[in-house]
Each structure stands twice: as C-alpha cells, then as structure tokens.
Amino acid sequence: MDYRVEHDSMGEVRVPGDKYWGAQTQRSRENFPIGVGLETMPAEIIRAFGILKKAAALANHTLRPEKMTGEKCDIICRVCDEVVSGALNDNFPLVVWQTGSGTQSNMNANEVIANRGNALAGKKLLHPNDDINMSQSSNDTFPTAMHIAAALALEDRVIPAVDRLIGTLLRLEEENRGIVKSGRTHLQDATPIAFSQEISGWRTSLERSRELIRLSLPPLRELALGGTAVGTGLNAPKGFDTLAAQEISRLTGKSFTTAPNKFHALTSKDELVFAHGALKALAADLMKIANDIRWLASGPRDGLGEIFIPENEPGSSIMPGKVNPTQCEAVTMVAVQVMGNDTAVGIAASQGNFQLNVFMPVLAYNFLQSARLLAEATESFDRNCVSGIRANREKMEKNLNESLMLVTALNPYIGYENGAKTAKLAYRENISLREACLRLGFLTAEEFDRVFHPEQMI
C-alpha cells in the first residue's frame, strides 16, 4: 500500500495514500482498535457533519469573508455535498469507541473535507482546523451532528414507517368489521370483542407512539453549534450560531434553531433521552402487537388459530411443512435491542461533567441504531406480515361460542354468583352455558334465548 506523510501538532504520521483523512484520523485508527469494521461511527453522523460543516462555511463567509473567502467556501460546499451524498464514506473509518467528545470524528470530517478540497482546487487551499473547523469546536459540532442526525432519522425514517403500518391497520379494520370474537385478559377467555376493535387498539397505540415521537422533535432541533469549547462561544463571531442554524434549516428543509443556552447544550443530553424514550414506547407497542399477532396465528391446529398470516419461508430444518411467525420474532428482537439501548442512552446522558458530556459517541450509536432498526423492522413487519393478515372466521366463531365468559351477559338477570355457578358447572361437565343455566334452574329456555346474544356484547 502507498502511504503519504501527514503531520499534526504531535508530529508526522503515515496515512494511506488513497484516502483523504489526515494525521489525527490515523492516530485514532491506531489508538482505538475496538470494534473495527463493526462499530464505526454511524453514517447518519457523517452525513450530519457534512451538513453542519457546509452551514458553518456559509455562515463564516458571511461573517468573516476575509478569512472564509468565496473560493474556500465554494470548495468546502462542494466537498460537503459529497460527504452528504455518501460518496466519501470510505474515508470515515473511525469507531464509536474513541474519545467521548467525538473529537476524532470531528477532525476526521475536517481532514477529509480539507484534503479533498485541496485535491479539487489543485493547491493547498484549506487547513482542517483553521478553515473547516473555523468558529467551531468538537464540543459543539458533535452534539450538533447528533441532534441533526436524530431529528432526520425520526422525521424521515421512523415516522413514515409507522404511518404506513397505521394505514395498513386502518384498512384491516374496515375489512374486518362485523366479525365478533372472544376477548382475552390474563391470557384467559374474556367477554367478546369485535376483531376490528382489537385492530383499532393496535392502530391507536402506534398513533400515540407517533405523537410522542413528534413531541420530541422540537427540542432536538435546538443546536449547540456556536458554543465552541465550553459554551461561551470563544472564537466564533457574533451571530454565527443563529446564522449557522438558519443555513442548516435551509440545507435540510427542517426548522433548526440555535440553542438558547449553550452551557446546557454542550453538557446535557436531555433531548436525546426524551426522544429515545419515545422510541422505547414505540418498541413496547410493537412488541405487544407482534406478540398478539403470533398468539392469534398460533397453531395451525393446536393453537388459537384465529388469524392467518403470510407464510414466508420454511420454519424448521427437521419438521416438514412447519411455518413460523418469523416477522413477529424479528420485531420482538428489535424491541428488546431498543429497550437495552435505552438503558445505554440514559446512563450515557447522566455522565456530563462540568461543561461537557464525554459519552456522546456511544449515545449517538445506540440512538441511531434504535431509530434505524425500528424503521426497518416496522417496514418489514408491515410488508411481510401485517398487510397479509386474514381472519379465520370459523375458528373465531367456534372459540367465541365455547367461551365461558359469555356468562357475563347473564349477570343482570341471574346475578354474579349464579353466573359463576353456571360457568363452573359448564366447565366441569363440558356442557354449554345454556344447558348449565337451565339445569341449575336460573332461567328457562325461552328466557335464556331472549337475553343471551354474544354478538351484542361488543
């Protein structure tokens, strides 16, 4: 492999000749051989750096044109567009397990943009620190990148995936109106419910999760950029924070603002904790819905068997013909991962000391993994399972008619205690509620038939 020599304040370093990163990136590669190839800085963070570095260059060009010349700004913007597009992704090799401020990833971005810009310019035009990092610090750029990446992941990936699943459930509600089945509480038979009502419960849970995610977006749109090292804004010109946030808003099409208190913005991660809590709520709802669906589809002969779900692949290497609820299993595993990530996010956010939190890379990694997994799992669950749900009307009717909890309809006529006696006799002797009620003399046949209508109990 060909190498070139780069230098930083600590001396010279050999860097792969075909890469745009510089000395500080290379030192990080060598000093943190942890999770290499598996746990690199999320692509969403790299994209966010491309956005914020372009915004910073534009703001600096307006406020400090003598330092950020038009030529420099134009080249930086061109390279940042490449970063945002993903064209330079192989120049961002650093792992999550680095400095807790994300300094090395900030410098990775600075070095790549400077060196790529110099290659485009055909001369030594840009310096990583003096030009690309102008008016900035790792301490305010990394939390800014986290907020940009988190807001975009929620708004552009998670919410649209949830919207599509909600739409599917709305369709299923309409298609299954009029079907009455047994309800269940404590995994035991309960009073009847319409299948459309059961589906509406799933839908409303997702609508509420979506609402909570949306509530978390405004705080995420407040950016730390402009606070520089400790929140005072040292070395950033007056108005840089506001102008940079305006540029980020223009570049993303989202409404970002500068954080009103940079001392909070640099050290506290409340906004990400709150937003991830909303993701955990979504994970909990998806867990419940997926479990309901696989219970209702259990069988095909020895389970509940009240719904049919798509058969996507063979389910066993030894049992021929077996098909399993694999999409439900994938969703529930994702939910478990998100719940675990929530613990990591909460603990990481609690570790701010004085003017900085130094657990930001692991917080960003877990947050963005949760958002990505939930979006992809929800899309797959919708496409490969939920959209193909069909009611097994015969099994629903059979289970409904055999449910002892239909006796609840008789409470107004024979009382709770006599209802319990009726249900227990029917269960003990394996007879119908009608036969048990008549045998106990609580109602005549005519009276029973007049008041006992399971389909009206919903």
Protein backbone atom coordinates (compact mmCIF):
# COMPACT_ATOMS: atom_id res chain seq x y z
CA MET A 1 0.00 0.00 0.00
CA ASP A 2 1.20 3.51 -0.82
CA TYR A 3 1.43 6.00 2.03
CA ARG A 4 1.88 9.70 2.37
CA VAL A 5 3.17 11.62 5.37
CA GLU A 6 0.76 13.93 7.23
CA HIS A 7 1.50 15.96 10.32
CA ASP A 8 -0.36 17.41 13.28
CA SER A 9 0.70 19.18 16.47
CA MET A 10 2.27 15.93 17.75
CA GLY A 11 4.40 15.20 14.69
CA GLU A 12 4.31 13.17 11.49
CA VAL A 13 2.08 10.19 10.72
CA ARG A 14 1.89 7.83 7.74
CA VAL A 15 -1.56 7.81 6.12
CA PRO A 16 -2.86 5.54 3.32
CA GLY A 17 -2.20 7.33 0.06
CA ASP A 18 -5.63 6.66 -1.41
CA LYS A 19 -7.56 8.22 1.49
CA TYR A 20 -8.37 11.83 2.28
CA TRP A 21 -8.08 11.63 6.05
CA GLY A 22 -5.10 13.08 7.88
CA ALA A 23 -2.89 12.63 10.90
CA GLN A 24 -5.46 12.84 13.69
CA THR A 25 -7.78 10.37 11.99
CA GLN A 26 -4.87 7.97 11.50
CA ARG A 27 -3.83 8.27 15.14
CA SER A 28 -7.37 7.40 16.21
CA ARG A 29 -7.38 4.35 13.92
CA GLU A 30 -4.18 3.13 15.54
CA ASN A 31 -5.07 4.03 19.14
CA PHE A 32 -8.59 2.60 19.23
CA PRO A 33 -8.62 -0.87 17.61
CA ILE A 34 -12.01 -1.56 19.21
CA GLY A 35 -14.94 -2.83 17.17
CA VAL A 36 -13.13 -2.13 13.90
CA GLY A 37 -15.31 -2.83 10.88
CA LEU A 38 -18.37 -3.46 13.03
CA GLU A 39 -18.99 -0.41 15.18
CA THR A 40 -17.87 2.53 13.09
CA MET A 41 -19.37 5.97 13.54
CA PRO A 42 -22.92 5.83 12.13
CA ALA A 43 -23.37 7.06 8.56
CA GLU A 44 -26.09 9.40 9.83
CA ILE A 45 -23.49 11.24 11.92
CA ILE A 46 -21.13 11.54 8.95
CA ARG A 47 -23.95 12.97 6.83
CA ALA A 48 -24.84 15.40 9.62
CA PHE A 49 -21.22 16.56 9.74
CA GLY A 50 -21.38 17.27 6.01
CA ILE A 51 -24.46 19.40 6.57
CA LEU A 52 -23.11 21.35 9.54
CA LYS A 53 -19.66 21.93 8.02
CA LYS A 54 -21.28 23.39 4.90
CA ALA A 55 -23.56 25.56 7.03
CA ALA A 56 -20.58 26.72 9.11
CA ALA A 57 -18.62 27.64 5.97
CA LEU A 58 -21.54 29.65 4.60
CA ALA A 59 -22.03 31.44 7.93
CA ASN A 60 -18.29 32.17 8.19
CA HIS A 61 -18.23 33.50 4.63
CA THR A 62 -20.96 35.97 5.57
CA LEU A 63 -19.43 37.00 8.89
CA ARG A 64 -15.69 36.64 8.22
CA PRO A 65 -15.21 36.93 4.45
CA GLU A 66 -11.58 37.95 4.88
CA LYS A 67 -10.84 34.53 6.38
CA MET A 68 -13.53 32.38 4.70
CA THR A 69 -13.09 33.62 1.16
CA GLY A 70 -15.50 32.85 -1.62
CA GLU A 71 -13.02 30.40 -3.15
CA LYS A 72 -12.64 28.48 0.11
CA CYS A 73 -16.36 28.48 0.80
CA ASP A 74 -17.23 27.18 -2.67
CA ILE A 75 -14.77 24.29 -2.42
CA ILE A 76 -15.89 23.37 1.11
CA CYS A 77 -19.51 23.36 -0.02
CA ARG A 78 -18.69 21.08 -2.97
CA VAL A 79 -16.92 18.58 -0.73
CA CYS A 80 -19.64 18.72 1.93
CA ASP A 81 -22.18 17.83 -0.74
CA GLU A 82 -20.06 14.75 -1.49
CA VAL A 83 -19.99 13.87 2.21
CA VAL A 84 -23.77 14.22 2.48
CA SER A 85 -24.29 12.05 -0.62
CA GLY A 86 -22.16 9.26 0.86
CA ALA A 87 -19.59 9.44 -1.90
CA LEU A 88 -16.75 9.78 0.62
CA ASN A 89 -18.00 7.25 3.19
CA ASP A 90 -14.90 5.06 2.90
CA ASN A 91 -12.88 7.98 4.23
CA PHE A 92 -14.62 7.83 7.60
CA PRO A 93 -13.18 4.71 9.26
CA LEU A 94 -13.30 5.66 12.94
CA VAL A 95 -15.05 3.54 15.54
CA VAL A 96 -17.54 4.62 18.16
CA TRP A 97 -15.10 3.67 20.92
CA GLN A 98 -12.91 6.77 20.79
CA THR A 99 -12.79 9.98 22.77
CA GLY A 100 -16.13 10.64 24.43
CA SER A 101 -16.42 14.11 22.91
CA GLY A 102 -16.23 12.78 19.36
CA THR A 103 -13.17 14.96 18.71
CA GLN A 104 -11.54 12.43 16.41
CA SER A 105 -14.66 12.14 14.25
CA ASN A 106 -14.89 15.93 14.04
CA MET A 107 -11.25 16.01 12.94
CA ASN A 108 -11.89 13.14 10.55
CA ALA A 109 -14.50 15.34 8.87
CA ASN A 110 -12.20 18.38 8.94
CA GLU A 111 -9.28 16.46 7.41
CA VAL A 112 -11.33 14.74 4.72
CA ILE A 113 -13.04 17.96 3.65
CA ALA A 114 -9.73 19.88 3.63
CA ASN A 115 -7.75 17.25 1.73
CA ARG A 116 -10.50 16.51 -0.76
CA GLY A 117 -10.99 20.25 -1.22
CA ASN A 118 -7.29 20.75 -1.85
CA ALA A 119 -7.35 17.97 -4.42
CA LEU A 120 -10.25 19.67 -6.22
CA ALA A 121 -8.55 23.06 -6.02
CA GLY A 122 -5.23 21.66 -7.17
CA LYS A 123 -3.41 23.53 -4.43
CA LYS A 124 -3.00 23.81 -0.66
CA LEU A 125 -6.07 25.97 -0.12
CA LEU A 126 -7.70 24.57 3.02
CA HIS A 127 -6.47 23.72 6.53
CA PRO A 128 -8.52 21.25 8.65
CA ASN A 129 -8.51 23.38 11.80
CA ASP A 130 -8.20 26.93 10.52
CA ASP A 131 -10.75 26.66 7.71
CA ILE A 132 -13.03 23.64 8.06
CA ASN A 133 -13.26 23.96 11.85
CA MET A 134 -13.46 27.77 11.80
CA SER A 135 -15.71 29.16 14.59
CA GLN A 136 -16.24 25.62 15.91
CA SER A 137 -15.08 23.06 18.45
CA SER A 138 -15.61 19.31 18.60
CA ASN A 139 -17.53 20.07 21.77
CA ASP A 140 -20.28 21.89 19.87
CA THR A 141 -20.09 20.17 16.46
CA PHE A 142 -20.57 16.63 17.72
CA PRO A 143 -23.73 17.39 19.77
CA THR A 144 -24.99 19.37 16.77
CA ALA A 145 -24.39 16.40 14.48
CA MET A 146 -26.20 14.18 16.99
CA HIS A 147 -29.27 16.41 17.01
CA ILE A 148 -29.36 16.76 13.23
CA ALA A 149 -28.95 13.01 12.72
CA ALA A 150 -31.53 12.14 15.37
CA ALA A 151 -34.14 14.60 14.08
CA LEU A 152 -33.71 13.45 10.48
CA ALA A 153 -33.84 9.77 11.47
CA LEU A 154 -37.09 10.26 13.37
CA GLU A 155 -38.77 12.51 10.84
CA ASP A 156 -37.58 10.87 7.63
CA ARG A 157 -37.38 7.20 8.61
CA VAL A 158 -39.26 6.23 11.75
CA ILE A 159 -42.43 8.31 11.42
CA PRO A 160 -43.05 7.41 7.74
CA ALA A 161 -42.63 3.69 8.56
CA VAL A 162 -45.12 4.00 11.42
CA ASP A 163 -47.50 5.94 9.15
CA ARG A 164 -47.52 3.10 6.62
CA LEU A 165 -48.24 0.48 9.28
CA ILE A 166 -51.06 2.62 10.67
CA GLY A 167 -52.51 2.82 7.16
CA THR A 168 -52.43 -0.96 6.85
CA LEU A 169 -54.22 -1.37 10.17
CA LEU A 170 -56.89 1.14 9.12
CA ARG A 171 -57.52 -1.00 6.03
CA LEU A 172 -57.74 -4.17 8.12
CA GLU A 173 -60.21 -2.50 10.48
CA GLU A 174 -62.57 -1.76 7.60
CA GLU A 175 -62.16 -5.20 6.04
CA ASN A 176 -62.96 -6.99 9.30
CA ARG A 177 -65.94 -5.01 10.56
CA GLY A 178 -68.77 -7.22 11.80
CA ILE A 179 -66.56 -10.10 12.95
CA VAL A 180 -67.07 -10.89 16.65
CA LYS A 181 -64.53 -12.99 18.55
CA SER A 182 -63.54 -13.83 22.10
CA GLY A 183 -61.61 -11.23 24.02
CA ARG A 184 -58.82 -12.32 26.33
CA THR A 185 -57.35 -10.91 29.52
CA HIS A 186 -54.58 -12.54 31.61
CA LEU A 187 -54.26 -14.99 28.66
CA GLN A 188 -57.70 -16.30 29.70
CA ASP A 189 -61.07 -16.10 27.98
CA ALA A 190 -62.88 -12.80 28.44
CA THR A 191 -66.00 -11.14 27.06
CA PRO A 192 -66.46 -10.73 23.29
CA ILE A 193 -64.79 -8.09 21.18
CA ALA A 194 -65.05 -7.15 17.53
CA PHE A 195 -61.95 -8.06 15.57
CA SER A 196 -61.97 -4.51 14.17
CA GLN A 197 -61.92 -3.20 17.74
CA GLU A 198 -58.87 -5.32 18.53
CA ILE A 199 -57.12 -3.96 15.45
CA SER A 200 -58.11 -0.40 16.41
CA GLY A 201 -56.26 -0.89 19.70
CA TRP A 202 -53.08 -1.73 17.80
CA ARG A 203 -53.56 1.24 15.49
CA THR A 204 -54.18 3.72 18.30
CA SER A 205 -51.10 2.51 20.18
CA LEU A 206 -48.99 3.31 17.13
CA GLU A 207 -50.70 6.67 16.69
CA ARG A 208 -49.85 7.55 20.27
CA SER A 209 -46.23 6.44 19.80
CA ARG A 210 -46.05 8.62 16.70
CA GLU A 211 -47.43 11.55 18.69
CA LEU A 212 -44.77 11.09 21.38
CA ILE A 213 -42.00 10.96 18.76
CA ARG A 214 -43.29 14.17 17.21
CA LEU A 215 -43.29 15.83 20.63
CA SER A 216 -39.59 15.00 20.95
CA LEU A 217 -38.63 16.75 17.70
CA PRO A 218 -38.72 20.46 18.71
CA PRO A 219 -36.07 20.06 21.46
CA LEU A 220 -33.86 18.09 19.05
CA ARG A 221 -33.99 20.98 16.59
CA GLU A 222 -32.09 23.20 19.05
CA LEU A 223 -28.39 23.10 18.14
CA ALA A 224 -25.23 23.54 20.21
CA LEU A 225 -23.22 24.96 17.29
CA GLY A 226 -21.74 28.30 18.30
CA GLY A 227 -20.95 27.31 21.87
CA THR A 228 -17.44 26.19 20.83
CA ALA A 229 -15.32 24.71 23.65
CA VAL A 230 -17.24 25.34 26.87
CA GLY A 231 -20.39 27.19 25.83
CA THR A 232 -19.03 30.74 25.81
CA GLY A 233 -18.70 30.91 22.02
CA LEU A 234 -14.97 31.70 22.15
CA ASN A 235 -13.51 32.30 18.64
CA ALA A 236 -16.93 32.32 16.99
CA PRO A 237 -18.12 35.67 15.58
CA LYS A 238 -21.27 37.26 16.93
CA GLY A 239 -24.33 35.85 15.20
CA PHE A 240 -22.55 32.73 13.94
CA ASP A 241 -24.79 30.39 15.93
CA THR A 242 -28.02 31.87 14.58
CA LEU A 243 -26.81 32.11 11.00
CA ALA A 244 -25.39 28.57 11.01
CA ALA A 245 -28.71 27.19 12.32
CA GLN A 246 -30.53 29.06 9.55
CA GLU A 247 -28.22 27.52 6.96
CA ILE A 248 -28.75 24.03 8.43
CA SER A 249 -32.51 24.62 8.21
CA ARG A 250 -32.17 25.62 4.56
CA LEU A 251 -29.99 22.63 3.71
CA THR A 252 -32.21 20.07 5.42
CA GLY A 253 -35.62 21.57 4.82
CA LYS A 254 -36.25 21.27 8.58
CA SER A 255 -36.62 24.06 11.12
CA PHE A 256 -33.47 24.12 13.28
CA THR A 257 -32.63 26.90 15.73
CA THR A 258 -29.66 27.76 17.90
CA ALA A 259 -29.88 26.50 21.48
CA PRO A 260 -30.65 29.43 23.80
CA ASN A 261 -28.22 28.17 26.46
CA LYS A 262 -25.03 26.65 25.07
CA PHE A 263 -23.80 25.56 28.52
CA HIS A 264 -26.79 23.24 28.67
CA ALA A 265 -26.44 22.21 25.04
CA LEU A 266 -22.84 21.03 25.44
CA THR A 267 -23.21 19.03 28.63
CA SER A 268 -26.83 17.86 28.90
CA LYS A 269 -28.40 15.24 26.64
CA ASP A 270 -31.98 15.57 27.93
CA GLU A 271 -33.38 15.96 24.44
CA LEU A 272 -31.92 12.68 23.20
CA VAL A 273 -33.03 10.82 26.34
CA PHE A 274 -36.58 12.10 25.88
CA ALA A 275 -36.62 11.24 22.18
CA HIS A 276 -35.23 7.77 22.79
CA GLY A 277 -37.89 7.26 25.45
CA ALA A 278 -40.44 7.80 22.68
CA LEU A 279 -38.62 5.20 20.58
CA LYS A 280 -38.76 2.81 23.53
CA ALA A 281 -42.51 3.42 23.76
CA LEU A 282 -42.82 2.52 20.08
CA ALA A 283 -40.74 -0.60 20.68
CA ALA A 284 -43.02 -1.60 23.56
CA ASP A 285 -46.11 -1.16 21.39
CA LEU A 286 -44.57 -3.13 18.53
CA MET A 287 -43.63 -5.88 20.97
CA LYS A 288 -47.23 -6.10 22.17
CA ILE A 289 -48.72 -6.04 18.67
CA ALA A 290 -46.27 -8.65 17.33
CA ASN A 291 -46.96 -10.90 20.32
CA ASP A 292 -50.73 -10.56 19.83
CA ILE A 293 -50.41 -11.48 16.18
CA ARG A 294 -48.27 -14.55 16.75
CA TRP A 295 -50.56 -15.73 19.55
CA LEU A 296 -53.65 -15.26 17.36
CA ALA A 297 -51.91 -17.07 14.48
CA SER A 298 -50.61 -19.89 16.69
CA GLY A 299 -51.32 -23.40 15.51
CA PRO A 300 -52.22 -24.07 12.82
CA ARG A 301 -54.30 -26.73 14.58
CA ASP A 302 -53.24 -26.81 18.21
CA GLY A 303 -53.15 -23.08 18.93
CA LEU A 304 -55.62 -20.21 18.81
CA GLY A 305 -55.57 -20.14 15.04
CA GLU A 306 -57.87 -17.13 14.77
CA ILE A 307 -55.92 -15.39 12.03
CA PHE A 308 -53.83 -16.39 9.04
CA ILE A 309 -50.54 -14.61 8.42
CA PRO A 310 -48.31 -14.83 5.33
CA GLU A 311 -46.14 -17.92 5.04
CA ASN A 312 -42.77 -16.52 4.01
CA GLU A 313 -40.26 -19.34 4.46
CA PRO A 314 -39.91 -22.87 5.87
CA GLY A 315 -39.79 -22.80 9.65
CA SER A 316 -37.87 -25.92 10.57
CA SER A 317 -34.87 -27.90 9.40
CA ILE A 318 -36.40 -31.12 10.76
CA MET A 319 -40.20 -30.70 10.82
CA PRO A 320 -41.53 -30.68 7.24
CA GLY A 321 -44.28 -28.20 6.48
CA LYS A 322 -43.73 -26.12 9.62
CA VAL A 323 -44.09 -22.36 9.14
CA ASN A 324 -43.24 -19.89 11.91
CA PRO A 325 -44.22 -16.25 12.66
CA THR A 326 -40.73 -15.04 11.80
CA GLN A 327 -41.61 -11.39 11.17
CA CYS A 328 -43.11 -11.19 14.66
CA GLU A 329 -39.96 -12.71 16.09
CA ALA A 330 -37.76 -10.18 14.28
CA VAL A 331 -39.86 -7.29 15.57
CA THR A 332 -39.74 -8.53 19.15
CA MET A 333 -35.96 -8.96 18.99
CA VAL A 334 -35.62 -5.41 17.69
CA ALA A 335 -37.81 -4.23 20.56
CA VAL A 336 -35.52 -5.95 23.06
CA GLN A 337 -32.48 -4.27 21.48
CA VAL A 338 -34.13 -0.84 21.64
CA MET A 339 -35.03 -1.35 25.30
CA GLY A 340 -31.42 -2.24 26.02
CA ASN A 341 -30.23 0.77 24.04
CA ASP A 342 -32.47 2.97 26.16
CA THR A 343 -30.50 1.97 29.24
CA ALA A 344 -27.24 2.86 27.49
CA VAL A 345 -28.64 6.20 26.32
CA GLY A 346 -29.85 7.10 29.80
CA ILE A 347 -26.61 6.19 31.53
CA ALA A 348 -24.51 7.97 28.88
CA ALA A 349 -26.60 11.12 29.25
CA SER A 350 -26.07 11.10 33.01
CA GLN A 351 -22.30 11.32 32.64
CA GLY A 352 -21.87 15.01 31.92
CA ASN A 353 -19.06 16.59 33.94
CA PHE A 354 -18.79 20.35 34.26
CA GLN A 355 -19.02 21.81 30.72
CA LEU A 356 -19.11 18.63 28.60
CA ASN A 357 -20.62 15.18 28.27
CA VAL A 358 -17.97 12.67 27.18
CA PHE A 359 -20.22 9.73 26.36
CA MET A 360 -21.58 11.18 23.13
CA PRO A 361 -20.39 8.63 20.53
CA VAL A 362 -21.96 5.68 22.37
CA LEU A 363 -25.14 7.69 22.92
CA ALA A 364 -25.33 8.56 19.22
CA TYR A 365 -24.58 4.98 18.19
CA ASN A 366 -27.34 3.49 20.33
CA PHE A 367 -29.90 6.17 19.49
CA LEU A 368 -29.39 5.88 15.75
CA GLN A 369 -29.32 2.09 15.87
CA SER A 370 -32.70 2.15 17.61
CA ALA A 371 -34.17 4.54 15.05
CA ARG A 372 -32.80 2.57 12.13
CA LEU A 373 -33.88 -0.83 13.49
CA LEU A 374 -37.37 0.38 14.36
CA ALA A 375 -37.88 1.95 10.94
CA GLU A 376 -36.66 -1.12 9.07
CA ALA A 377 -38.43 -3.63 11.31
CA THR A 378 -41.71 -1.70 11.08
CA GLU A 379 -41.47 -1.59 7.29
CA SER A 380 -40.71 -5.30 7.06
CA PHE A 381 -43.43 -6.22 9.58
CA ASP A 382 -45.97 -4.21 7.60
CA ARG A 383 -44.95 -5.54 4.19
CA ASN A 384 -44.30 -9.18 5.06
CA CYS A 385 -46.82 -9.87 7.80
CA VAL A 386 -49.48 -7.35 8.81
CA SER A 387 -50.61 -6.46 5.31
CA GLY A 388 -51.44 -10.12 4.70
CA ILE A 389 -53.45 -10.84 7.89
CA ARG A 390 -56.74 -12.63 7.25
CA ALA A 391 -59.38 -13.55 9.82
CA ASN A 392 -60.19 -17.23 10.34
CA ARG A 393 -63.88 -16.58 10.83
CA GLU A 394 -64.78 -20.20 11.56
CA LYS A 395 -62.19 -20.53 14.31
CA MET A 396 -63.15 -17.18 15.80
CA GLU A 397 -66.81 -18.19 15.91
CA LYS A 398 -66.00 -21.58 17.42
CA ASN A 399 -63.80 -20.07 20.13
CA LEU A 400 -66.39 -17.41 20.85
CA ASN A 401 -69.22 -19.88 21.27
CA GLU A 402 -67.13 -22.05 23.58
CA SER A 403 -66.08 -19.17 25.82
CA LEU A 404 -67.42 -19.49 29.36
CA MET A 405 -67.09 -15.75 29.86
CA LEU A 406 -70.17 -15.21 27.73
CA VAL A 407 -71.93 -15.89 31.00
CA THR A 408 -71.19 -12.23 31.85
CA ALA A 409 -74.17 -11.30 29.68
CA LEU A 410 -76.40 -13.09 32.19
CA ASN A 411 -75.23 -11.07 35.23
CA PRO A 412 -78.13 -8.56 35.05
CA TYR A 413 -80.64 -11.43 35.05
CA ILE A 414 -79.22 -14.10 37.39
CA GLY A 415 -76.55 -12.18 39.36
CA TYR A 416 -72.77 -12.56 39.59
CA GLU A 417 -72.71 -15.55 41.97
CA ASN A 418 -75.24 -17.56 39.97
CA GLY A 419 -73.32 -16.66 36.83
CA ALA A 420 -70.16 -18.10 38.42
CA LYS A 421 -72.02 -21.29 39.33
CA THR A 422 -73.26 -21.58 35.75
CA ALA A 423 -69.77 -21.13 34.27
CA LYS A 424 -68.17 -23.60 36.68
CA LEU A 425 -70.79 -26.28 36.01
CA ALA A 426 -70.41 -25.83 32.27
CA TYR A 427 -66.62 -26.12 32.54
CA ARG A 428 -66.67 -29.06 34.99
CA GLU A 429 -69.07 -31.17 32.94
CA ASN A 430 -68.08 -29.87 29.50
CA ILE A 431 -71.55 -28.65 28.62
CA SER A 432 -72.86 -25.39 27.17
CA LEU A 433 -73.71 -22.36 29.26
CA ARG A 434 -77.30 -22.73 28.13
CA GLU A 435 -77.53 -26.30 29.39
CA ALA A 436 -75.83 -25.40 32.69
CA CYS A 437 -78.10 -22.42 33.31
CA LEU A 438 -81.20 -24.46 32.58
CA ARG A 439 -80.01 -27.38 34.73
CA LEU A 440 -79.44 -25.02 37.65
CA GLY A 441 -82.89 -23.52 37.13
CA PHE A 442 -81.71 -19.92 36.86
CA LEU A 443 -83.54 -19.25 33.56
CA THR A 444 -85.99 -21.03 31.31
CA ALA A 445 -85.02 -21.90 27.77
CA GLU A 446 -87.09 -19.05 26.41
CA GLU A 447 -85.62 -16.54 28.86
CA PHE A 448 -82.06 -17.66 28.10
CA ASP A 449 -82.54 -17.36 24.34
CA ARG A 450 -84.08 -13.93 24.71
CA VAL A 451 -81.21 -12.40 26.73
CA PHE A 452 -78.16 -14.34 25.52
CA HIS A 453 -76.71 -12.68 22.38
CA PRO A 454 -72.87 -12.73 22.28
CA GLU A 455 -72.76 -10.57 19.14
CA GLN A 456 -74.40 -7.74 21.07
CA MET A 457 -71.82 -7.80 23.87
CA ILE A 458 -69.27 -5.71 21.98
